[in-house]
């Protein structure tokens, strides 16, 4: 016998054509109600089960909210046990939109997207680590704890894995008075005419300050960090002198190992109807239309003349007609 919590129990349903019926059916299963026209199928599904579920849901609202929604009458039924929050999809002819799902039609998906955007936790796709977000005060505290008594370079990430020669960027930095940049892991002095291979991807960081972490350095560290955050758009890189390991810190969601960062998640990030959340390959449709080349050209050894392209068939010769 199934446990009570796994069953939906209805006792004494008397809505419309229903004649004081009792029934029990399992939860979390696909249940189909069948019968003759006028036998009470809709009365049971919509006017009894759905109406009572909706009434109980509205009763959970505050008195202030309920005054705008009005009161819903209890359906004519003695008791319903095991009833969950319910959704009803109206039986109507919908347009054949391939993007429509049960979630979008019922608008439940709107609430799910909001939940994901506000309550979810981001993880790095590169390292699998949980993304972190720090305030400037926390970043300064971590730097002092980790590099106490050590000499460090404080850099602002400007370019991350992008192609280009960046000649204009280097000239602009020189005009602003900066002396060195770190290009693909190597510290380089800024000079006129400096440019990179435009067809290769590059990482570029601007050297903001070199300093030794000790007592009394906090004000200078704070000023340098503020400048690095401004130029690095909320991110900063710390490298200990004589070592190559890169330490990233950010005001935004950031992977502490790889340094990649994510924008703050928004509801449209989780929408397949939005270009921000849709799959780049299928455009959010979930299916891809592609040509099966093997069906068109099953035998690559055949020429077009003898029917190598199946839809075209063999070459047809046009005979000459005589008068």
Protein backbone atom coordinates (compact mmCIF):
# COMPACT_ATOMS: atom_id res chain seq x y z
CA UNK A 1 0.00 0.00 0.00
CA UNK A 2 1.33 3.42 -0.90
CA UNK A 3 2.13 5.92 1.83
CA UNK A 4 -0.42 8.68 2.40
CA UNK A 5 2.02 11.41 1.39
CA UNK A 6 2.38 9.83 -2.06
CA UNK A 7 -1.37 9.98 -2.76
CA UNK A 8 -3.87 12.68 -3.62
CA UNK A 9 -7.15 11.85 -1.85
CA UNK A 10 -10.47 13.49 -2.67
CA UNK A 11 -13.59 12.88 -0.59
CA UNK A 12 -17.15 13.99 -1.36
CA UNK A 13 -16.62 16.00 -4.56
CA UNK A 14 -19.96 17.55 -5.60
CA UNK A 15 -18.98 20.24 -8.11
CA UNK A 16 -21.35 20.47 -11.13
CA UNK A 17 -21.97 16.93 -12.44
CA UNK A 18 -19.92 15.16 -9.76
CA UNK A 19 -22.17 13.10 -7.47
CA UNK A 20 -20.38 13.02 -4.12
CA UNK A 21 -17.46 10.96 -5.45
CA UNK A 22 -14.37 9.75 -3.58
CA UNK A 23 -11.15 8.88 -5.39
CA UNK A 24 -7.45 8.42 -4.78
CA UNK A 25 -4.60 8.60 -7.27
CA UNK A 26 -0.79 8.72 -6.98
CA UNK A 27 1.24 11.93 -6.88
CA UNK A 28 4.25 12.53 -9.14
CA UNK A 29 2.67 10.37 -11.85
CA UNK A 30 0.98 11.13 -15.15
CA UNK A 31 -2.73 10.62 -14.46
CA UNK A 32 -5.31 10.83 -17.25
CA UNK A 33 -8.99 11.48 -16.50
CA UNK A 34 -11.29 10.00 -19.17
CA UNK A 35 -15.04 9.76 -19.58
CA UNK A 36 -18.04 10.70 -21.65
CA UNK A 37 -18.86 14.30 -22.45
CA UNK A 38 -20.55 15.85 -19.42
CA UNK A 39 -19.34 13.19 -17.00
CA UNK A 40 -17.43 15.74 -14.90
CA UNK A 41 -13.80 15.46 -16.09
CA UNK A 42 -13.20 19.22 -16.15
CA UNK A 43 -15.22 19.67 -12.96
CA UNK A 44 -12.86 17.30 -11.18
CA UNK A 45 -9.57 18.54 -12.65
CA UNK A 46 -10.15 22.28 -12.88
CA UNK A 47 -13.11 23.21 -10.69
CA UNK A 48 -12.19 20.93 -7.78
CA UNK A 49 -8.47 20.05 -7.64
CA UNK A 50 -7.08 23.17 -9.31
CA UNK A 51 -9.54 25.55 -7.64
CA UNK A 52 -8.74 24.23 -4.16
CA UNK A 53 -5.00 24.33 -4.81
CA UNK A 54 -5.22 27.92 -6.02
CA UNK A 55 -7.39 28.91 -3.04
CA UNK A 56 -4.89 27.46 -0.55
CA UNK A 57 -2.04 29.22 -2.32
CA UNK A 58 -3.77 32.61 -2.15
CA UNK A 59 -4.55 32.05 1.53
CA UNK A 60 -0.80 31.97 2.20
CA UNK A 61 -0.59 35.63 1.10
CA UNK A 62 -0.77 38.47 3.59
CA UNK A 63 -4.12 40.11 4.31
CA UNK A 64 -2.87 43.22 2.48
CA UNK A 65 -2.14 41.26 -0.70
CA UNK A 66 -5.40 39.29 -0.56
CA UNK A 67 -7.49 42.45 -0.60
CA UNK A 68 -6.36 43.09 -4.19
CA UNK A 69 -6.96 39.49 -5.30
CA UNK A 70 -10.41 38.94 -3.86
CA UNK A 71 -11.68 35.86 -2.06
CA UNK A 72 -12.03 32.51 -3.76
CA UNK A 73 -14.87 30.23 -2.75
CA UNK A 74 -14.05 26.76 -1.56
CA UNK A 75 -15.21 24.10 -4.07
CA UNK A 76 -17.94 21.70 -2.97
CA UNK A 77 -15.82 18.92 -1.58
CA UNK A 78 -15.56 17.41 1.89
CA UNK A 79 -11.78 17.02 2.05
CA UNK A 80 -8.67 16.91 -0.15
CA UNK A 81 -5.43 15.45 1.20
CA UNK A 82 -1.93 15.59 -0.35
CA UNK A 83 -2.60 18.63 -2.52
CA UNK A 84 0.48 20.55 -3.72
CA UNK A 85 0.67 24.00 -5.36
CA UNK A 86 -0.94 23.54 -8.76
CA UNK A 87 -0.59 24.81 -12.31
CA UNK A 88 -3.34 24.80 -14.89
CA UNK A 89 -2.68 25.15 -18.62
CA UNK A 90 -5.67 26.41 -20.54
CA UNK A 91 -6.84 24.16 -23.35
CA UNK A 92 -6.43 26.42 -26.34
CA UNK A 93 -4.83 26.51 -29.76
CA UNK A 94 -1.36 27.96 -29.35
CA UNK A 95 0.90 29.18 -32.10
CA UNK A 96 3.52 26.67 -33.15
CA UNK A 97 6.44 28.52 -31.60
CA UNK A 98 9.40 26.15 -31.17
CA UNK A 99 10.53 28.19 -28.15
CA UNK A 100 7.35 27.55 -26.15
CA UNK A 101 7.51 25.10 -23.25
CA UNK A 102 5.24 24.30 -20.31
CA UNK A 103 7.44 26.63 -18.26
CA UNK A 104 7.07 29.60 -20.61
CA UNK A 105 3.33 29.16 -21.22
CA UNK A 106 2.57 28.98 -17.48
CA UNK A 107 5.14 31.73 -16.69
CA UNK A 108 6.74 29.48 -14.07
CA UNK A 109 10.00 29.82 -15.97
CA UNK A 110 10.05 33.55 -15.16
CA UNK A 111 10.18 32.75 -11.46
CA UNK A 112 12.80 30.03 -12.01
CA UNK A 113 15.06 32.45 -13.88
CA UNK A 114 14.74 34.98 -11.07
CA UNK A 115 15.54 32.28 -8.50
CA UNK A 116 18.63 31.13 -10.43
CA UNK A 117 19.89 34.72 -10.82
CA UNK A 118 19.52 35.61 -7.14
CA UNK A 119 20.16 32.34 -5.27
CA UNK A 120 22.61 30.46 -7.49
CA UNK A 121 26.34 30.01 -6.90
CA UNK A 122 28.80 30.42 -9.78
CA UNK A 123 31.65 27.98 -10.41
CA UNK A 124 34.61 28.34 -12.75
CA UNK A 125 34.36 26.27 -15.93
CA UNK A 126 38.17 26.06 -16.00
CA UNK A 127 39.10 25.00 -12.45
CA UNK A 128 35.74 23.94 -11.00
CA UNK A 129 36.30 26.25 -8.02
CA UNK A 130 33.58 28.44 -6.56
CA UNK A 131 33.74 32.00 -7.85
CA UNK A 132 34.44 34.62 -5.19
CA UNK A 133 33.67 38.33 -4.87
CA UNK A 134 35.68 40.56 -2.53
CA UNK A 135 35.53 44.16 -1.30
CA UNK A 136 38.60 46.41 -1.51
CA UNK A 137 39.12 46.10 2.26
CA UNK A 138 39.05 42.30 2.06
CA UNK A 139 41.52 42.32 -0.85
CA UNK A 140 43.97 44.56 1.05
CA UNK A 141 43.68 42.34 4.12
CA UNK A 142 44.34 39.19 2.08
CA UNK A 143 47.35 40.75 0.33
CA UNK A 144 48.90 41.82 3.64
CA UNK A 145 48.33 38.37 5.16
CA UNK A 146 49.70 36.43 2.19
CA UNK A 147 52.65 38.63 1.20
CA UNK A 148 53.78 40.04 4.55
CA UNK A 149 57.50 40.86 4.33
CA UNK A 150 57.65 40.08 0.61
CA UNK A 151 58.14 42.25 -2.47
CA UNK A 152 55.29 42.18 -4.97
CA UNK A 153 54.23 43.62 -8.29
CA UNK A 154 50.71 45.03 -8.46
CA UNK A 155 49.26 44.89 -11.98
CA UNK A 156 45.98 45.83 -13.66
CA UNK A 157 44.71 43.27 -16.21
CA UNK A 158 43.93 45.09 -19.47
CA UNK A 159 43.68 42.32 -22.10
CA UNK A 160 42.79 38.67 -21.53
CA UNK A 161 43.33 36.16 -24.36
CA UNK A 162 42.50 38.52 -27.25
CA UNK A 163 44.14 39.09 -30.62
CA UNK A 164 45.51 42.43 -31.82
CA UNK A 165 48.65 44.54 -32.12
CA UNK A 166 47.56 47.04 -29.38
CA UNK A 167 49.86 49.78 -30.66
CA UNK A 168 47.32 52.48 -29.77
CA UNK A 169 46.90 51.06 -26.25
CA UNK A 170 50.65 51.20 -25.58
CA UNK A 171 50.90 54.76 -26.89
CA UNK A 172 48.00 55.83 -24.68
CA UNK A 173 49.63 54.28 -21.60
CA UNK A 174 52.91 56.04 -22.38
CA UNK A 175 51.11 59.38 -22.61
CA UNK A 176 49.60 58.73 -19.18
CA UNK A 177 53.07 58.24 -17.70
CA UNK A 178 53.23 54.48 -17.24
CA UNK A 179 56.56 52.75 -17.79
CA UNK A 180 56.08 48.96 -18.04
CA UNK A 181 53.54 46.35 -19.06
CA UNK A 182 53.53 42.59 -18.68
CA UNK A 183 52.91 40.93 -22.05
CA UNK A 184 52.24 37.18 -22.17
CA UNK A 185 54.08 36.67 -18.87
CA UNK A 186 57.10 38.91 -19.62
CA UNK A 187 57.69 42.40 -18.23
CA UNK A 188 58.34 44.84 -21.09
CA UNK A 189 59.29 48.53 -21.05
CA UNK A 190 56.90 50.78 -22.91
CA UNK A 191 58.50 52.50 -25.87
CA UNK A 192 57.41 54.21 -29.04
CA UNK A 193 56.35 51.86 -31.82
CA UNK A 194 55.75 48.87 -29.50
CA UNK A 195 53.21 46.50 -31.01
CA UNK A 196 52.36 42.79 -30.95
CA UNK A 197 51.54 40.09 -33.47
CA UNK A 198 47.94 40.88 -34.37
CA UNK A 199 47.11 37.26 -35.27
CA UNK A 200 48.08 35.78 -31.89
CA UNK A 201 46.16 35.94 -28.62
CA UNK A 202 47.76 38.02 -25.88
CA UNK A 203 47.47 38.74 -22.16
CA UNK A 204 48.46 42.29 -21.19
CA UNK A 205 48.74 43.66 -17.64
CA UNK A 206 49.84 47.17 -16.70
CA UNK A 207 52.43 47.47 -13.90
CA UNK A 208 50.94 49.87 -11.36
CA UNK A 209 53.39 49.57 -8.46
CA UNK A 210 56.25 47.59 -6.96
CA UNK A 211 56.28 47.53 -3.20
CA UNK A 212 57.30 45.52 -0.15
CA UNK A 213 54.46 44.53 2.15
CA UNK A 214 55.30 45.77 5.66
CA UNK A 215 53.82 47.84 8.44
CA UNK A 216 52.90 51.35 7.32
CA UNK A 217 52.40 50.34 3.68
CA UNK A 218 48.60 50.16 3.83
CA UNK A 219 47.91 53.69 2.56
CA UNK A 220 50.19 53.29 -0.47
CA UNK A 221 48.77 49.82 -1.11
CA UNK A 222 45.25 51.22 -0.92
CA UNK A 223 46.02 53.99 -3.43
CA UNK A 224 47.74 51.60 -5.86
CA UNK A 225 44.94 49.06 -5.51
CA UNK A 226 42.28 51.70 -6.22
CA UNK A 227 44.09 52.74 -9.41
CA UNK A 228 44.61 49.10 -10.50
CA UNK A 229 40.93 48.35 -9.90
CA UNK A 230 39.92 51.36 -11.98
CA UNK A 231 42.12 50.41 -14.94
CA UNK A 232 41.50 46.66 -14.57
CA UNK A 233 37.72 47.12 -14.40
CA UNK A 234 37.41 45.68 -10.92
CA UNK A 235 40.22 43.11 -11.05
CA UNK A 236 43.86 43.16 -9.93
CA UNK A 237 46.81 40.77 -10.27
CA UNK A 238 49.54 40.29 -7.67
CA UNK A 239 52.86 38.57 -8.46
CA UNK A 240 55.58 37.99 -5.90
CA UNK A 241 59.04 39.06 -7.07
CA UNK A 242 61.06 36.14 -8.40
CA UNK A 243 58.01 33.94 -8.87
CA UNK A 244 55.63 33.41 -11.78
CA UNK A 245 52.47 32.38 -9.91
CA UNK A 246 49.65 34.85 -10.58
CA UNK A 247 47.25 35.81 -7.79
CA UNK A 248 43.95 37.38 -8.87
CA UNK A 249 41.58 39.46 -6.77
CA UNK A 250 38.34 41.04 -7.97
CA UNK A 251 35.27 42.96 -6.92
CA UNK A 252 33.27 40.78 -9.32
CA UNK A 253 32.67 37.03 -9.49
CA UNK A 254 36.12 35.63 -10.14
CA UNK A 255 37.96 32.30 -10.20
CA UNK A 256 40.79 32.58 -7.63
CA UNK A 257 43.05 30.25 -9.67
CA UNK A 258 42.57 31.10 -13.36
CA UNK A 259 41.46 34.73 -12.88
CA UNK A 260 38.48 34.49 -15.25
CA UNK A 261 35.50 36.54 -14.16
CA UNK A 262 31.76 36.39 -14.77
CA UNK A 263 29.28 39.21 -14.90
CA UNK A 264 26.67 39.26 -12.18
CA UNK A 265 23.96 36.78 -13.22
CA UNK A 266 20.73 38.32 -14.47
CA UNK A 267 17.39 36.60 -15.17
CA UNK A 268 17.98 36.81 -18.94
CA UNK A 269 21.25 34.88 -18.44
CA UNK A 270 19.08 31.80 -17.85
CA UNK A 271 16.62 32.42 -20.69
CA UNK A 272 16.93 30.44 -23.91
CA UNK A 273 14.79 33.16 -25.53
CA UNK A 274 17.43 35.81 -24.83
CA UNK A 275 20.67 36.16 -26.83
CA UNK A 276 22.48 36.47 -23.48
CA UNK A 277 21.34 33.05 -22.29
CA UNK A 278 20.70 31.13 -25.49
CA UNK A 279 23.08 28.47 -26.74
CA UNK A 280 25.33 30.00 -29.38
CA UNK A 281 25.06 26.90 -31.56
CA UNK A 282 21.31 26.21 -31.62
CA UNK A 283 20.13 29.75 -30.73
CA UNK A 284 18.12 28.37 -27.83
CA UNK A 285 15.95 26.03 -29.91
CA UNK A 286 17.58 22.82 -28.68
CA UNK A 287 17.79 21.38 -32.19
CA UNK A 288 20.13 21.99 -35.11
CA UNK A 289 19.27 21.56 -38.78
CA UNK A 290 22.27 20.18 -40.63
CA UNK A 291 22.92 18.52 -43.97
CA UNK A 292 23.75 14.81 -43.84
CA UNK A 293 26.46 14.70 -46.47
CA UNK A 294 26.47 10.89 -46.43
CA UNK A 295 22.85 10.85 -47.59
CA UNK A 296 23.59 13.25 -50.41
CA UNK A 297 26.90 11.67 -51.51
CA UNK A 298 26.94 8.09 -50.21
CA UNK A 299 29.78 7.01 -52.50
CA UNK A 300 32.61 9.52 -52.97
CA UNK A 301 34.20 7.34 -55.64
CA UNK A 302 31.38 8.09 -58.09
CA UNK A 303 31.48 11.15 -60.29
CA UNK A 304 28.62 13.60 -60.63
CA UNK A 305 28.02 12.32 -64.18
CA UNK A 306 27.18 8.79 -63.04
CA UNK A 307 25.02 9.88 -60.10
CA UNK A 308 27.46 10.69 -57.32
CA UNK A 309 25.02 13.31 -56.00
CA UNK A 310 21.92 11.25 -55.22
CA UNK A 311 19.27 14.03 -55.35
CA UNK A 312 20.42 14.98 -58.86
CA UNK A 313 20.77 11.46 -60.17
CA UNK A 314 22.83 10.46 -63.25
CA UNK A 315 23.43 12.98 -65.98
CA UNK A 316 20.59 13.01 -68.46
CA UNK A 317 21.35 13.28 -72.18
CA UNK A 318 18.97 15.15 -74.43
CA UNK A 319 18.50 13.43 -77.75
CA UNK A 320 18.16 15.40 -80.98
CA UNK A 321 14.80 15.24 -82.71
CA UNK A 322 14.47 14.99 -86.52
CA UNK A 323 11.72 16.49 -88.63
